[in-house]
Amino acid sequence: MAILKAKEIRNLDEKELEKRLKDLRLQLAKERANINVGASVTSPGKIREIRRTIARIETIKNEKRLK
């Protein structure tokens, strides 16, 4: 899944945000499981970018809720 910018996230509707959030959390869990098993990391910055994208989505969801 591609890393989303804040501008792109704001253009998505609520259902699409939930879908992307679910997919990112699943992807993060898989990456962490691979590390715990001892598999080599394909790209070290991937986990960080996934976490940041999840945070962006959560932040924008909260902004929309407050409006």
PDB file of N, CA and C in Angstrom:
ATOM      1  N   MET A   1       0.841  -1.177   0.000  1.00  0.00           N
ATOM      2  CA  MET A   1       0.000   0.000   0.000  1.00  0.00           C
ATOM      3  C   MET A   1       0.883   1.236   0.000  1.00  0.00           C
ATOM      4  N   ALA A   2       0.505   2.199  -0.799  1.00  0.00           N
ATOM      5  CA  ALA A   2       1.272   3.431  -0.921  1.00  0.00           C
ATOM      6  C   ALA A   2       1.088   4.310   0.312  1.00  0.00           C
ATOM      7  N   ILE A   3       2.101   5.080   0.601  1.00  0.00           N
ATOM      8  CA  ILE A   3       2.028   6.026   1.697  1.00  0.00           C
ATOM      9  C   ILE A   3       1.184   7.209   1.230  1.00  0.00           C
ATOM     10  N   LEU A   4       0.225   7.582   2.036  1.00  0.00           N
ATOM     11  CA  LEU A   4      -0.711   8.648   1.672  1.00  0.00           C
ATOM     12  C   LEU A   4      -0.278   9.978   2.267  1.00  0.00           C
ATOM     13  N   LYS A   5      -0.443  11.020   1.505  1.00  0.00           N
ATOM     14  CA  LYS A   5      -0.186  12.367   1.999  1.00  0.00           C
ATOM     15  C   LYS A   5      -1.474  12.910   2.614  1.00  0.00           C
ATOM     16  N   ALA A   6      -1.338  13.898   3.481  1.00  0.00           N
ATOM     17  CA  ALA A   6      -2.493  14.456   4.186  1.00  0.00           C
ATOM     18  C   ALA A   6      -3.544  14.987   3.216  1.00  0.00           C
ATOM     19  N   LYS A   7      -3.105  15.591   2.135  1.00  0.00           N
ATOM     20  CA  LYS A   7      -4.036  16.141   1.149  1.00  0.00           C
ATOM     21  C   LYS A   7      -4.876  15.028   0.523  1.00  0.00           C
ATOM     22  N   GLU A   8      -4.241  13.894   0.235  1.00  0.00           N
ATOM     23  CA  GLU A   8      -4.954  12.754  -0.347  1.00  0.00           C
ATOM     24  C   GLU A   8      -5.936  12.160   0.657  1.00  0.00           C
ATOM     25  N   ILE A   9      -5.531  12.103   1.917  1.00  0.00           N
ATOM     26  CA  ILE A   9      -6.380  11.521   2.959  1.00  0.00           C
ATOM     27  C   ILE A   9      -7.639  12.363   3.152  1.00  0.00           C
ATOM     28  N   ARG A  10      -7.489  13.678   3.109  1.00  0.00           N
ATOM     29  CA  ARG A  10      -8.642  14.564   3.307  1.00  0.00           C
ATOM     30  C   ARG A  10      -9.696  14.397   2.218  1.00  0.00           C
ATOM     31  N   ASN A  11      -9.290  13.955   1.041  1.00  0.00           N
ATOM     32  CA  ASN A  11     -10.231  13.778  -0.065  1.00  0.00           C
ATOM     33  C   ASN A  11     -10.996  12.458   0.009  1.00  0.00           C
ATOM     34  N   LEU A  12     -10.620  11.564   0.912  1.00  0.00           N
ATOM     35  CA  LEU A  12     -11.284  10.266   1.027  1.00  0.00           C
ATOM     36  C   LEU A  12     -12.511  10.372   1.923  1.00  0.00           C
ATOM     37  N   ASP A  13     -13.510   9.526   1.655  1.00  0.00           N
ATOM     38  CA  ASP A  13     -14.686   9.509   2.522  1.00  0.00           C
ATOM     39  C   ASP A  13     -14.427   8.598   3.731  1.00  0.00           C
ATOM     40  N   GLU A  14     -15.364   8.591   4.657  1.00  0.00           N
ATOM     41  CA  GLU A  14     -15.193   7.887   5.934  1.00  0.00           C
ATOM     42  C   GLU A  14     -14.963   6.385   5.754  1.00  0.00           C
ATOM     43  N   LYS A  15     -15.722   5.759   4.860  1.00  0.00           N
ATOM     44  CA  LYS A  15     -15.575   4.317   4.649  1.00  0.00           C
ATOM     45  C   LYS A  15     -14.209   3.976   4.070  1.00  0.00           C
ATOM     46  N   GLU A  16     -13.750   4.791   3.147  1.00  0.00           N
ATOM     47  CA  GLU A  16     -12.441   4.552   2.534  1.00  0.00           C
ATOM     48  C   GLU A  16     -11.328   4.744   3.566  1.00  0.00           C
ATOM     49  N   LEU A  17     -11.486   5.731   4.448  1.00  0.00           N
ATOM     50  CA  LEU A  17     -10.503   5.938   5.514  1.00  0.00           C
ATOM     51  C   LEU A  17     -10.424   4.718   6.425  1.00  0.00           C
ATOM     52  N   GLU A  18     -11.577   4.183   6.795  1.00  0.00           N
ATOM     53  CA  GLU A  18     -11.601   3.001   7.661  1.00  0.00           C
ATOM     54  C   GLU A  18     -10.936   1.808   6.979  1.00  0.00           C
ATOM     55  N   LYS A  19     -11.190   1.650   5.689  1.00  0.00           N
ATOM     56  CA  LYS A  19     -10.607   0.542   4.928  1.00  0.00           C
ATOM     57  C   LYS A  19      -9.085   0.674   4.881  1.00  0.00           C
ATOM     58  N   ARG A  20      -8.607   1.872   4.569  1.00  0.00           N
ATOM     59  CA  ARG A  20      -7.162   2.107   4.496  1.00  0.00           C
ATOM     60  C   ARG A  20      -6.507   1.898   5.858  1.00  0.00           C
ATOM     61  N   LEU A  21      -7.180   2.364   6.912  1.00  0.00           N
ATOM     62  CA  LEU A  21      -6.649   2.223   8.261  1.00  0.00           C
ATOM     63  C   LEU A  21      -6.534   0.751   8.641  1.00  0.00           C
ATOM     64  N   LYS A  22      -7.558  -0.014   8.325  1.00  0.00           N
ATOM     65  CA  LYS A  22      -7.545  -1.449   8.618  1.00  0.00           C
ATOM     66  C   LYS A  22      -6.412  -2.145   7.861  1.00  0.00           C
ATOM     67  N   ASP A  23      -6.257  -1.807   6.582  1.00  0.00           N
ATOM     68  CA  ASP A  23      -5.201  -2.410   5.767  1.00  0.00           C
ATOM     69  C   ASP A  23      -3.811  -2.068   6.301  1.00  0.00           C
ATOM     70  N   LEU A  24      -3.624  -0.814   6.692  1.00  0.00           N
ATOM     71  CA  LEU A  24      -2.325  -0.397   7.215  1.00  0.00           C
ATOM     72  C   LEU A  24      -2.002  -1.085   8.538  1.00  0.00           C
ATOM     73  N   ARG A  25      -2.995  -1.217   9.399  1.00  0.00           N
ATOM     74  CA  ARG A  25      -2.755  -1.893  10.680  1.00  0.00           C
ATOM     75  C   ARG A  25      -2.412  -3.364  10.472  1.00  0.00           C
ATOM     76  N   LEU A  26      -3.072  -3.999   9.509  1.00  0.00           N
ATOM     77  CA  LEU A  26      -2.764  -5.387   9.182  1.00  0.00           C
ATOM     78  C   LEU A  26      -1.345  -5.505   8.625  1.00  0.00           C
ATOM     79  N   GLN A  27      -0.980  -4.589   7.755  1.00  0.00           N
ATOM     80  CA  GLN A  27       0.357  -4.589   7.175  1.00  0.00           C
ATOM     81  C   GLN A  27       1.416  -4.369   8.259  1.00  0.00           C
ATOM     82  N   LEU A  28       1.146  -3.483   9.199  1.00  0.00           N
ATOM     83  CA  LEU A  28       2.071  -3.223  10.297  1.00  0.00           C
ATOM     84  C   LEU A  28       2.233  -4.464  11.168  1.00  0.00           C
ATOM     85  N   ALA A  29       1.139  -5.152  11.447  1.00  0.00           N
ATOM     86  CA  ALA A  29       1.206  -6.369  12.252  1.00  0.00           C
ATOM     87  C   ALA A  29       2.044  -7.438  11.549  1.00  0.00           C
ATOM     88  N   LYS A  30       1.889  -7.559  10.240  1.00  0.00           N
ATOM     89  CA  LYS A  30       2.674  -8.538   9.480  1.00  0.00           C
ATOM     90  C   LYS A  30       4.159  -8.209   9.520  1.00  0.00           C
ATOM     91  N   GLU A  31       4.489  -6.938   9.359  1.00  0.00           N
ATOM     92  CA  GLU A  31       5.896  -6.525   9.396  1.00  0.00           C
ATOM     93  C   GLU A  31       6.506  -6.805  10.770  1.00  0.00           C
ATOM     94  N   ARG A  32       5.759  -6.487  11.816  1.00  0.00           N
ATOM     95  CA  ARG A  32       6.269  -6.735  13.169  1.00  0.00           C
ATOM     96  C   ARG A  32       6.412  -8.224  13.446  1.00  0.00           C
ATOM     97  N   ALA A  33       5.488  -9.024  12.925  1.00  0.00           N
ATOM     98  CA  ALA A  33       5.576 -10.474  13.100  1.00  0.00           C
ATOM     99  C   ALA A  33       6.809 -11.019  12.395  1.00  0.00           C
ATOM    100  N   ASN A  34       7.097 -10.517  11.214  1.00  0.00           N
ATOM    101  CA  ASN A  34       8.295 -10.953  10.494  1.00  0.00           C
ATOM    102  C   ASN A  34       9.560 -10.651  11.282  1.00  0.00           C
ATOM    103  N   ILE A  35       9.599  -9.496  11.915  1.00  0.00           N
ATOM    104  CA  ILE A  35      10.766  -9.131  12.714  1.00  0.00           C
ATOM    105  C   ILE A  35      10.884 -10.048  13.927  1.00  0.00           C
ATOM    106  N   ASN A  36       9.765 -10.332  14.584  1.00  0.00           N
ATOM    107  CA  ASN A  36       9.787 -11.184  15.771  1.00  0.00           C
ATOM    108  C   ASN A  36      10.203 -12.608  15.452  1.00  0.00           C
ATOM    109  N   VAL A  37       9.872 -13.075  14.258  1.00  0.00           N
ATOM    110  CA  VAL A  37      10.250 -14.424  13.844  1.00  0.00           C
ATOM    111  C   VAL A  37      11.741 -14.479  13.539  1.00  0.00           C
ATOM    112  N   GLY A  38      12.297 -13.351  13.168  1.00  0.00           N
ATOM    113  CA  GLY A  38      13.716 -13.304  12.866  1.00  0.00           C
ATOM    114  C   GLY A  38      14.012 -13.137  11.399  1.00  0.00           C
ATOM    115  N   ALA A  39      12.986 -12.917  10.611  1.00  0.00           N
ATOM    116  CA  ALA A  39      13.188 -12.705   9.181  1.00  0.00           C
ATOM    117  C   ALA A  39      13.851 -11.348   8.960  1.00  0.00           C
ATOM    118  N   SER A  40      14.597 -11.242   7.883  1.00  0.00           N
ATOM    119  CA  SER A  40      15.258  -9.974   7.600  1.00  0.00           C
ATOM    120  C   SER A  40      14.226  -8.954   7.108  1.00  0.00           C
ATOM    121  N   VAL A  41      14.459  -7.722   7.452  1.00  0.00           N
ATOM    122  CA  VAL A  41      13.547  -6.646   7.083  1.00  0.00           C
ATOM    123  C   VAL A  41      13.846  -6.227   5.646  1.00  0.00           C
ATOM    124  N   THR A  42      12.804  -6.175   4.814  1.00  0.00           N
ATOM    125  CA  THR A  42      13.013  -5.813   3.413  1.00  0.00           C
ATOM    126  C   THR A  42      13.373  -4.343   3.264  1.00  0.00           C
ATOM    127  N   SER A  43      12.681  -3.474   3.972  1.00  0.00           N
ATOM    128  CA  SER A  43      13.061  -2.060   3.972  1.00  0.00           C
ATOM    129  C   SER A  43      12.854  -1.523   5.384  1.00  0.00           C
ATOM    130  N   PRO A  44      13.918  -1.113   6.016  1.00  0.00           N
ATOM    131  CA  PRO A  44      13.861  -0.708   7.424  1.00  0.00           C
ATOM    132  C   PRO A  44      12.929   0.465   7.721  1.00  0.00           C
ATOM    133  N   GLY A  45      12.740   1.367   6.784  1.00  0.00           N
ATOM    134  CA  GLY A  45      11.895   2.527   7.028  1.00  0.00           C
ATOM    135  C   GLY A  45      10.421   2.267   6.817  1.00  0.00           C
ATOM    136  N   LYS A  46      10.083   1.070   6.394  1.00  0.00           N
ATOM    137  CA  LYS A  46       8.690   0.767   6.057  1.00  0.00           C
ATOM    138  C   LYS A  46       7.779   0.837   7.281  1.00  0.00           C
ATOM    139  N   ILE A  47       8.210   0.274   8.394  1.00  0.00           N
ATOM    140  CA  ILE A  47       7.392   0.276   9.614  1.00  0.00           C
ATOM    141  C   ILE A  47       7.149   1.711  10.074  1.00  0.00           C
ATOM    142  N   ARG A  48       8.170   2.512  10.019  1.00  0.00           N
ATOM    143  CA  ARG A  48       8.040   3.910  10.429  1.00  0.00           C
ATOM    144  C   ARG A  48       7.030   4.648   9.552  1.00  0.00           C
ATOM    145  N   GLU A  49       7.106   4.444   8.248  1.00  0.00           N
ATOM    146  CA  GLU A  49       6.179   5.110   7.332  1.00  0.00           C
ATOM    147  C   GLU A  49       4.746   4.621   7.524  1.00  0.00           C
ATOM    148  N   ILE A  50       4.573   3.339   7.790  1.00  0.00           N
ATOM    149  CA  ILE A  50       3.231   2.805   8.047  1.00  0.00           C
ATOM    150  C   ILE A  50       2.655   3.448   9.304  1.00  0.00           C
ATOM    151  N   ARG A  51       3.471   3.525  10.351  1.00  0.00           N
ATOM    152  CA  ARG A  51       3.010   4.137  11.603  1.00  0.00           C
ATOM    153  C   ARG A  51       2.637   5.603  11.395  1.00  0.00           C
ATOM    154  N   ARG A  52       3.434   6.310  10.632  1.00  0.00           N
ATOM    155  CA  ARG A  52       3.146   7.722  10.373  1.00  0.00           C
ATOM    156  C   ARG A  52       1.863   7.901   9.567  1.00  0.00           C
ATOM    157  N   THR A  53       1.652   7.025   8.599  1.00  0.00           N
ATOM    158  CA  THR A  53       0.437   7.119   7.792  1.00  0.00           C
ATOM    159  C   THR A  53      -0.790   6.824   8.643  1.00  0.00           C
ATOM    160  N   ILE A  54      -0.691   5.838   9.534  1.00  0.00           N
ATOM    161  CA  ILE A  54      -1.793   5.543  10.454  1.00  0.00           C
ATOM    162  C   ILE A  54      -2.088   6.777  11.310  1.00  0.00           C
ATOM    163  N   ALA A  55      -1.046   7.417  11.801  1.00  0.00           N
ATOM    164  CA  ALA A  55      -1.232   8.618  12.623  1.00  0.00           C
ATOM    165  C   ALA A  55      -1.881   9.742  11.822  1.00  0.00           C
ATOM    166  N   ARG A  56      -1.479   9.900  10.559  1.00  0.00           N
ATOM    167  CA  ARG A  56      -2.092  10.925   9.709  1.00  0.00           C
ATOM    168  C   ARG A  56      -3.581  10.676   9.536  1.00  0.00           C
ATOM    169  N   ILE A  57      -3.934   9.426   9.262  1.00  0.00           N
ATOM    170  CA  ILE A  57      -5.344   9.091   9.058  1.00  0.00           C
ATOM    171  C   ILE A  57      -6.142   9.352  10.329  1.00  0.00           C
ATOM    172  N   GLU A  58      -5.622   8.917  11.471  1.00  0.00           N
ATOM    173  CA  GLU A  58      -6.315   9.139  12.746  1.00  0.00           C
ATOM    174  C   GLU A  58      -6.486  10.633  13.026  1.00  0.00           C
ATOM    175  N   THR A  59      -5.462  11.412  12.764  1.00  0.00           N
ATOM    176  CA  THR A  59      -5.524  12.852  13.005  1.00  0.00           C
ATOM    177  C   THR A  59      -6.586  13.512  12.133  1.00  0.00           C
ATOM    178  N   ILE A  60      -6.618  13.156  10.872  1.00  0.00           N
ATOM    179  CA  ILE A  60      -7.587  13.759   9.954  1.00  0.00           C
ATOM    180  C   ILE A  60      -9.006  13.302  10.289  1.00  0.00           C
ATOM    181  N   LYS A  61      -9.153  12.047  10.736  1.00  0.00           N
ATOM    182  CA  LYS A  61     -10.475  11.590  11.178  1.00  0.00           C
ATOM    183  C   LYS A  61     -10.960  12.432  12.349  1.00  0.00           C
ATOM    184  N   ASN A  62     -10.073  12.724  13.292  1.00  0.00           N
ATOM    185  CA  ASN A  62     -10.449  13.553  14.438  1.00  0.00           C
ATOM    186  C   ASN A  62     -10.773  14.980  14.011  1.00  0.00           C
ATOM    187  N   GLU A  63     -10.030  15.515  13.050  1.00  0.00           N
ATOM    188  CA  GLU A  63     -10.323  16.856  12.544  1.00  0.00           C
ATOM    189  C   GLU A  63     -11.716  16.910  11.930  1.00  0.00           C
ATOM    190  N   LYS A  64     -12.049  15.899  11.141  1.00  0.00           N
ATOM    191  CA  LYS A  64     -13.367  15.854  10.500  1.00  0.00           C
ATOM    192  C   LYS A  64     -14.476  15.725  11.536  1.00  0.00           C
ATOM    193  N   ARG A  65     -14.212  14.971  12.593  1.00  0.00           N
ATOM    194  CA  ARG A  65     -15.214  14.773  13.635  1.00  0.00           C
ATOM    195  C   ARG A  65     -15.484  16.081  14.377  1.00  0.00           C
ATOM    196  N   LEU A  66     -14.461  16.914  14.545  1.00  0.00           N
ATOM    197  CA  LEU A  66     -14.614  18.167  15.277  1.00  0.00           C
ATOM    198  C   LEU A  66     -15.285  19.263  14.455  1.00  0.00           C
ATOM    199  N   LYS A  67     -15.305  19.117  13.150  1.00  0.00           N
ATOM    200  CA  LYS A  67     -15.929  20.147  12.298  1.00  0.00           C
ATOM    201  C   LYS A  67     -17.422  20.101  12.332  1.00  0.00           C
TER     202      LYS A  67
END
